[in-house]
PDB file of N, CA and C in Angstrom:
ATOM      1  N   MET A   1       0.790  -1.218  -0.161  1.00  0.00           N
ATOM      2  CA  MET A   1      -0.069   0.033   0.194  1.00  0.00           C
ATOM      3  C   MET A   1       0.571   1.723   0.097  1.00  0.00           C
ATOM      4  N   ASN A   2      -0.106   2.429  -0.517  1.00  0.00           N
ATOM      5  CA  ASN A   2       0.791   3.582  -0.415  1.00  0.00           C
ATOM      6  C   ASN A   2       1.598   4.266   1.322  1.00  0.00           C
ATOM      7  N   SER A   3       2.455   4.214   1.540  1.00  0.00           N
ATOM      8  CA  SER A   3       2.899   4.702   3.037  1.00  0.00           C
ATOM      9  C   SER A   3       1.929   6.086   2.805  1.00  0.00           C
ATOM     10  N   LYS A   4       1.284   6.776   2.453  1.00  0.00           N
ATOM     11  CA  LYS A   4       0.670   8.121   2.897  1.00  0.00           C
ATOM     12  C   LYS A   4      -0.604   7.740   2.823  1.00  0.00           C
ATOM     13  N   PHE A   5      -1.033   6.411   2.533  1.00  0.00           N
ATOM     14  CA  PHE A   5      -2.493   6.235   2.680  1.00  0.00           C
ATOM     15  C   PHE A   5      -2.388   5.946   4.202  1.00  0.00           C
ATOM     16  N   ASP A   6      -1.631   4.549   4.257  1.00  0.00           N
ATOM     17  CA  ASP A   6      -1.020   4.147   5.480  1.00  0.00           C
ATOM     18  C   ASP A   6      -1.046   4.547   6.796  1.00  0.00           C
ATOM     19  N   LYS A   7      -0.230   6.380   6.200  1.00  0.00           N
ATOM     20  CA  LYS A   7       0.188   7.211   7.776  1.00  0.00           C
ATOM     21  C   LYS A   7      -1.303   7.880   7.754  1.00  0.00           C
ATOM     22  N   LEU A   8      -2.063   7.923   6.970  1.00  0.00           N
ATOM     23  CA  LEU A   8      -3.557   8.411   6.738  1.00  0.00           C
ATOM     24  C   LEU A   8      -4.034   7.523   7.798  1.00  0.00           C
ATOM     25  N   LYS A   9      -4.336   6.772   7.242  1.00  0.00           N
ATOM     26  CA  LYS A   9      -5.108   5.095   8.549  1.00  0.00           C
ATOM     27  C   LYS A   9      -5.067   5.230  10.248  1.00  0.00           C
ATOM     28  N   GLY A  10      -3.282   5.422   9.910  1.00  0.00           N
ATOM     29  CA  GLY A  10      -3.089   5.319  11.619  1.00  0.00           C
ATOM     30  C   GLY A  10      -3.253   7.255  12.239  1.00  0.00           C
ATOM     31  N   LYS A  11      -3.365   7.404  11.193  1.00  0.00           N
ATOM     32  CA  LYS A  11      -3.925   8.936  12.009  1.00  0.00           C
ATOM     33  C   LYS A  11      -5.390   8.886  12.611  1.00  0.00           C
ATOM     34  N   ILE A  12      -6.262   8.783  11.597  1.00  0.00           N
ATOM     35  CA  ILE A  12      -7.632   8.260  11.948  1.00  0.00           C
ATOM     36  C   ILE A  12      -7.995   7.505  12.907  1.00  0.00           C
ATOM     37  N   LYS A  13      -6.975   5.767  12.988  1.00  0.00           N
ATOM     38  CA  LYS A  13      -7.144   5.627  14.046  1.00  0.00           C
ATOM     39  C   LYS A  13      -6.705   6.072  15.620  1.00  0.00           C
ATOM     40  N   GLU A  14      -5.621   6.778  15.253  1.00  0.00           N
ATOM     41  CA  GLU A  14      -5.124   7.391  16.261  1.00  0.00           C
ATOM     42  C   GLU A  14      -6.217   8.470  17.469  1.00  0.00           C
ATOM     43  N   THR A  15      -6.628   9.134  15.722  1.00  0.00           N
ATOM     44  CA  THR A  15      -7.490  10.359  16.831  1.00  0.00           C
ATOM     45  C   THR A  15      -8.575   9.703  17.416  1.00  0.00           C
ATOM     46  N   THR A  16      -9.416   8.617  16.401  1.00  0.00           N
ATOM     47  CA  THR A  16     -10.778   7.388  17.297  1.00  0.00           C
ATOM     48  C   THR A  16     -10.253   7.506  18.257  1.00  0.00           C
ATOM     49  N   GLY A  17      -8.946   6.790  18.860  1.00  0.00           N
ATOM     50  CA  GLY A  17      -8.728   6.241  20.040  1.00  0.00           C
ATOM     51  C   GLY A  17      -8.786   7.184  20.663  1.00  0.00           C
ATOM     52  N   LYS A  18      -8.651   8.544  20.174  1.00  0.00           N
ATOM     53  CA  LYS A  18      -8.206   9.470  21.559  1.00  0.00           C
ATOM     54  C   LYS A  18      -9.194  10.424  21.668  1.00  0.00           C
ATOM     55  N   LEU A  19     -10.492   9.561  20.325  1.00  0.00           N
ATOM     56  CA  LEU A  19     -11.565  10.727  20.845  1.00  0.00           C
ATOM     57  C   LEU A  19     -12.940   9.464  21.570  1.00  0.00           C
ATOM     58  N   VAL A  20     -12.811   7.966  21.685  1.00  0.00           N
ATOM     59  CA  VAL A  20     -13.241   7.243  22.526  1.00  0.00           C
ATOM     60  C   VAL A  20     -12.963   6.904  23.626  1.00  0.00           C
ATOM     61  N   ASP A  21     -11.787   7.745  24.050  1.00  0.00           N
ATOM     62  CA  ASP A  21     -10.811   7.043  25.226  1.00  0.00           C
ATOM     63  C   ASP A  21     -10.281   5.450  24.869  1.00  0.00           C
ATOM     64  N   ASN A  22      -9.965   5.140  23.829  1.00  0.00           N
ATOM     65  CA  ASN A  22      -9.294   3.965  23.508  1.00  0.00           C
ATOM     66  C   ASN A  22      -7.728   3.789  23.317  1.00  0.00           C
ATOM     67  N   ASP A  23      -7.127   3.370  24.492  1.00  0.00           N
ATOM     68  CA  ASP A  23      -5.929   3.558  24.545  1.00  0.00           C
ATOM     69  C   ASP A  23      -5.279   2.305  23.559  1.00  0.00           C
ATOM     70  N   GLU A  24      -5.298   1.143  22.744  1.00  0.00           N
ATOM     71  CA  GLU A  24      -5.178   0.168  22.203  1.00  0.00           C
ATOM     72  C   GLU A  24      -5.007   0.958  20.536  1.00  0.00           C
ATOM     73  N   LEU A  25      -6.560   1.025  20.464  1.00  0.00           N
ATOM     74  CA  LEU A  25      -6.751   1.947  18.969  1.00  0.00           C
ATOM     75  C   LEU A  25      -6.242   3.116  18.746  1.00  0.00           C
ATOM     76  N   GLU A  26      -5.732   3.792  19.805  1.00  0.00           N
ATOM     77  CA  GLU A  26      -4.692   5.638  19.996  1.00  0.00           C
ATOM     78  C   GLU A  26      -3.306   4.697  19.377  1.00  0.00           C
ATOM     79  N   ALA A  27      -2.763   3.317  20.534  1.00  0.00           N
ATOM     80  CA  ALA A  27      -1.553   2.712  19.874  1.00  0.00           C
ATOM     81  C   ALA A  27      -1.475   2.039  18.867  1.00  0.00           C
ATOM     82  N   LYS A  28      -2.307   1.579  18.495  1.00  0.00           N
ATOM     83  CA  LYS A  28      -2.318   1.278  16.771  1.00  0.00           C
ATOM     84  C   LYS A  28      -1.892   1.660  15.816  1.00  0.00           C
ATOM     85  N   GLY A  29      -3.020   3.003  15.794  1.00  0.00           N
ATOM     86  CA  GLY A  29      -2.743   4.476  14.698  1.00  0.00           C
ATOM     87  C   GLY A  29      -1.520   4.676  14.782  1.00  0.00           C
ATOM     88  N   GLN A  30      -0.892   4.809  16.194  1.00  0.00           N
ATOM     89  CA  GLN A  30       0.856   5.325  16.230  1.00  0.00           C
ATOM     90  C   GLN A  30       1.766   4.015  15.396  1.00  0.00           C
ATOM     91  N   GLN A  31       1.661   3.347  16.250  1.00  0.00           N
ATOM     92  CA  GLN A  31       2.415   2.099  15.215  1.00  0.00           C
ATOM     93  C   GLN A  31       2.648   2.141  13.852  1.00  0.00           C
ATOM     94  N   GLU A  32       1.043   1.974  13.195  1.00  0.00           N
ATOM     95  CA  GLU A  32       1.046   2.192  11.762  1.00  0.00           C
ATOM     96  C   GLU A  32       1.502   3.512  11.310  1.00  0.00           C
ATOM     97  N   GLN A  33       1.695   4.552  12.158  1.00  0.00           N
ATOM     98  CA  GLN A  33       1.800   5.628  11.516  1.00  0.00           C
ATOM     99  C   GLN A  33       3.295   5.346  11.460  1.00  0.00           C
ATOM    100  N   ASP A  34       3.963   4.921  12.237  1.00  0.00           N
ATOM    101  CA  ASP A  34       6.011   4.415  12.704  1.00  0.00           C
ATOM    102  C   ASP A  34       6.487   4.007  11.346  1.00  0.00           C
ATOM    103  N   GLN A  35       5.332   2.641  10.934  1.00  0.00           N
ATOM    104  CA  GLN A  35       5.319   1.699  10.354  1.00  0.00           C
ATOM    105  C   GLN A  35       5.346   2.644   8.834  1.00  0.00           C
ATOM    106  N   ALA A  36       4.271   2.964   8.887  1.00  0.00           N
ATOM    107  CA  ALA A  36       4.540   3.790   7.549  1.00  0.00           C
ATOM    108  C   ALA A  36       5.602   4.456   7.576  1.00  0.00           C
ATOM    109  N   LYS A  37       6.514   5.340   7.949  1.00  0.00           N
ATOM    110  CA  LYS A  37       7.420   6.301   7.921  1.00  0.00           C
ATOM    111  C   LYS A  37       8.286   5.729   8.008  1.00  0.00           C
ATOM    112  N   ALA A  38       8.800   4.068   8.625  1.00  0.00           N
ATOM    113  CA  ALA A  38       9.465   3.385   8.699  1.00  0.00           C
ATOM    114  C   ALA A  38       9.970   3.182   7.308  1.00  0.00           C
ATOM    115  N   LYS A  39       8.896   2.557   6.013  1.00  0.00           N
ATOM    116  CA  LYS A  39       8.578   2.440   4.845  1.00  0.00           C
ATOM    117  C   LYS A  39       9.161   3.440   3.689  1.00  0.00           C
ATOM    118  N   GLU A  40       8.599   4.689   4.290  1.00  0.00           N
ATOM    119  CA  GLU A  40       9.352   5.897   3.799  1.00  0.00           C
ATOM    120  C   GLU A  40      10.723   6.010   3.301  1.00  0.00           C
ATOM    121  N   ASP A  41      11.498   5.854   4.681  1.00  0.00           N
ATOM    122  CA  ASP A  41      12.199   6.774   4.951  1.00  0.00           C
ATOM    123  C   ASP A  41      13.359   5.443   3.978  1.00  0.00           C
ATOM    124  N   ALA A  42      13.173   3.559   3.779  1.00  0.00           N
ATOM    125  CA  ALA A  42      13.807   2.915   3.230  1.00  0.00           C
ATOM    126  C   ALA A  42      13.485   2.887   1.896  1.00  0.00           C
ATOM    127  N   LYS A  43      12.708   3.964   1.139  1.00  0.00           N
ATOM    128  CA  LYS A  43      12.032   3.856  -0.118  1.00  0.00           C
ATOM    129  C   LYS A  43      13.177   4.904  -0.572  1.00  0.00           C
ATOM    130  N   HIS A  44      13.000   6.202   0.246  1.00  0.00           N
ATOM    131  CA  HIS A  44      13.869   6.979  -0.087  1.00  0.00           C
ATOM    132  C   HIS A  44      15.163   6.483   0.277  1.00  0.00           C
ATOM    133  N   HIS A  45      15.582   5.598   1.217  1.00  0.00           N
ATOM    134  CA  HIS A  45      17.138   5.556   1.302  1.00  0.00           C
ATOM    135  C   HIS A  45      17.432   4.665  -0.132  1.00  0.00           C
ATOM    136  N   ALA A  46      16.789   3.465  -0.530  1.00  0.00           N
ATOM    137  CA  ALA A  46      16.687   2.663  -1.944  1.00  0.00           C
ATOM    138  C   ALA A  46      16.974   4.132  -3.045  1.00  0.00           C
ATOM    139  N   GLU A  47      16.212   4.442  -2.971  1.00  0.00           N
ATOM    140  CA  GLU A  47      16.046   5.654  -3.886  1.00  0.00           C
ATOM    141  C   GLU A  47      17.640   6.206  -4.468  1.00  0.00           C
ATOM    142  N   GLY A  48      18.084   6.823  -3.576  1.00  0.00           N
ATOM    143  CA  GLY A  48      19.229   7.898  -3.064  1.00  0.00           C
ATOM    144  C   GLY A  48      20.863   6.618  -3.993  1.00  0.00           C
ATOM    145  N   LYS A  49      20.780   5.414  -2.791  1.00  0.00           N
ATOM    146  CA  LYS A  49      21.816   4.444  -3.879  1.00  0.00           C
ATOM    147  C   LYS A  49      21.340   4.368  -4.799  1.00  0.00           C
ATOM    148  N   THR A  50      20.557   4.036  -5.377  1.00  0.00           N
ATOM    149  CA  THR A  50      20.597   3.882  -7.301  1.00  0.00           C
ATOM    150  C   THR A  50      20.823   4.621  -7.829  1.00  0.00           C
ATOM    151  N   GLN A  51      20.450   6.214  -7.494  1.00  0.00           N
ATOM    152  CA  GLN A  51      20.968   7.301  -7.916  1.00  0.00           C
ATOM    153  C   GLN A  51      22.459   7.347  -8.132  1.00  0.00           C
ATOM    154  N   GLU A  52      22.451   6.859  -6.543  1.00  0.00           N
ATOM    155  CA  GLU A  52      24.164   7.154  -6.370  1.00  0.00           C
ATOM    156  C   GLU A  52      25.099   6.128  -7.558  1.00  0.00           C
ATOM    157  N   LYS A  53      24.283   4.765  -7.429  1.00  0.00           N
ATOM    158  CA  LYS A  53      24.832   3.843  -8.225  1.00  0.00           C
ATOM    159  C   LYS A  53      24.951   4.552  -9.742  1.00  0.00           C
ATOM    160  N   ARG A  54      24.143   4.605 -10.389  1.00  0.00           N
ATOM    161  CA  ARG A  54      24.137   5.147 -11.492  1.00  0.00           C
ATOM    162  C   ARG A  54      24.900   6.864 -12.321  1.00  0.00           C
ATOM    163  N   GLU A  55      24.463   7.531 -11.358  1.00  0.00           N
ATOM    164  CA  GLU A  55      26.126   8.726 -11.049  1.00  0.00           C
ATOM    165  C   GLU A  55      27.094   8.164 -11.188  1.00  0.00           C
ATOM    166  N   GLU A  56      28.273   6.890 -10.486  1.00  0.00           N
ATOM    167  CA  GLU A  56      28.592   6.295 -10.439  1.00  0.00           C
ATOM    168  C   GLU A  56      29.276   5.526 -11.701  1.00  0.00           C
ATOM    169  N   ILE A  57      27.987   4.880 -12.417  1.00  0.00           N
ATOM    170  CA  ILE A  57      28.719   4.544 -13.769  1.00  0.00           C
ATOM    171  C   ILE A  57      28.690   5.504 -15.285  1.00  0.00           C
ATOM    172  N   GLN A  58      27.678   6.560 -14.578  1.00  0.00           N
ATOM    173  CA  GLN A  58      28.021   7.284 -15.589  1.00  0.00           C
ATOM    174  C   GLN A  58      28.797   7.937 -15.809  1.00  0.00           C
ATOM    175  N   ARG A  59      30.085   8.199 -14.427  1.00  0.00           N
ATOM    176  CA  ARG A  59      31.571   8.785 -14.582  1.00  0.00           C
ATOM    177  C   ARG A  59      32.458   7.613 -15.288  1.00  0.00           C
ATOM    178  N   ASP A  60      31.867   6.276 -14.650  1.00  0.00           N
ATOM    179  CA  ASP A  60      33.171   5.264 -14.854  1.00  0.00           C
ATOM    180  C   ASP A  60      32.778   5.406 -16.233  1.00  0.00           C
ATOM    181  N   ALA A  61      31.688   5.433 -17.235  1.00  0.00           N
ATOM    182  CA  ALA A  61      31.610   5.645 -18.742  1.00  0.00           C
ATOM    183  C   ALA A  61      32.304   6.736 -19.265  1.00  0.00           C
ATOM    184  N   ILE A  62      31.981   7.718 -18.706  1.00  0.00           N
ATOM    185  CA  ILE A  62      33.175   8.983 -19.159  1.00  0.00           C
ATOM    186  C   ILE A  62      34.141   9.236 -18.832  1.00  0.00           C
ATOM    187  N   ASP A  63      35.114   8.580 -17.713  1.00  0.00           N
ATOM    188  CA  ASP A  63      36.433   8.271 -17.772  1.00  0.00           C
ATOM    189  C   ASP A  63      36.996   6.866 -18.476  1.00  0.00           C
ATOM    190  N   GLU A  64      36.332   6.281 -19.437  1.00  0.00           N
ATOM    191  CA  GLU A  64      36.205   5.093 -20.152  1.00  0.00           C
ATOM    192  C   GLU A  64      36.472   6.312 -21.024  1.00  0.00           C
ATOM    193  N   ASP A  65      35.452   6.604 -21.367  1.00  0.00           N
ATOM    194  CA  ASP A  65      35.720   7.323 -22.596  1.00  0.00           C
ATOM    195  C   ASP A  65      36.818   8.621 -23.367  1.00  0.00           C
ATOM    196  N   GLU A  66      37.011   8.756 -22.334  1.00  0.00           N
ATOM    197  CA  GLU A  66      38.483   9.598 -21.811  1.00  0.00           C
ATOM    198  C   GLU A  66      40.032   8.981 -22.631  1.00  0.00           C
ATOM    199  N   THR A  67      39.675   8.537 -21.690  1.00  0.00           N
ATOM    200  CA  THR A  67      40.755   7.247 -21.903  1.00  0.00           C
ATOM    201  C   THR A  67      40.852   6.552 -22.957  1.00  0.00           C
ATOM    202  N   LYS A  68      40.144   6.436 -24.122  1.00  0.00           N
ATOM    203  CA  LYS A  68      39.640   5.721 -25.225  1.00  0.00           C
ATOM    204  C   LYS A  68      40.747   7.107 -26.770  1.00  0.00           C
ATOM    205  N   GLU A  69      40.328   8.486 -26.267  1.00  0.00           N
ATOM    206  CA  GLU A  69      40.751   9.128 -26.415  1.00  0.00           C
ATOM    207  C   GLU A  69      41.422   9.580 -26.589  1.00  0.00           C
ATOM    208  N   LEU A  70      43.019   9.550 -25.197  1.00  0.00           N
ATOM    209  CA  LEU A  70      43.987   9.404 -25.575  1.00  0.00           C
ATOM    210  C   LEU A  70      44.812   8.801 -25.745  1.00  0.00           C
TER     211      LEU A  70
END
């Protein structure tokens, strides 16, 4: 599922838990929000690593082309 949707679901549960004085529901909502944030952070980290690898490959290709020209 989309992490933004998961965050929203968690926030709704947390708020509902507060409104009806249900600590268990409130805690579950907080937990869902934390899990969604962790997924989002992992995704951003993976995207960053992928971008770094692309840049490394491009630098290597440029270096290789420059070496061939010499």
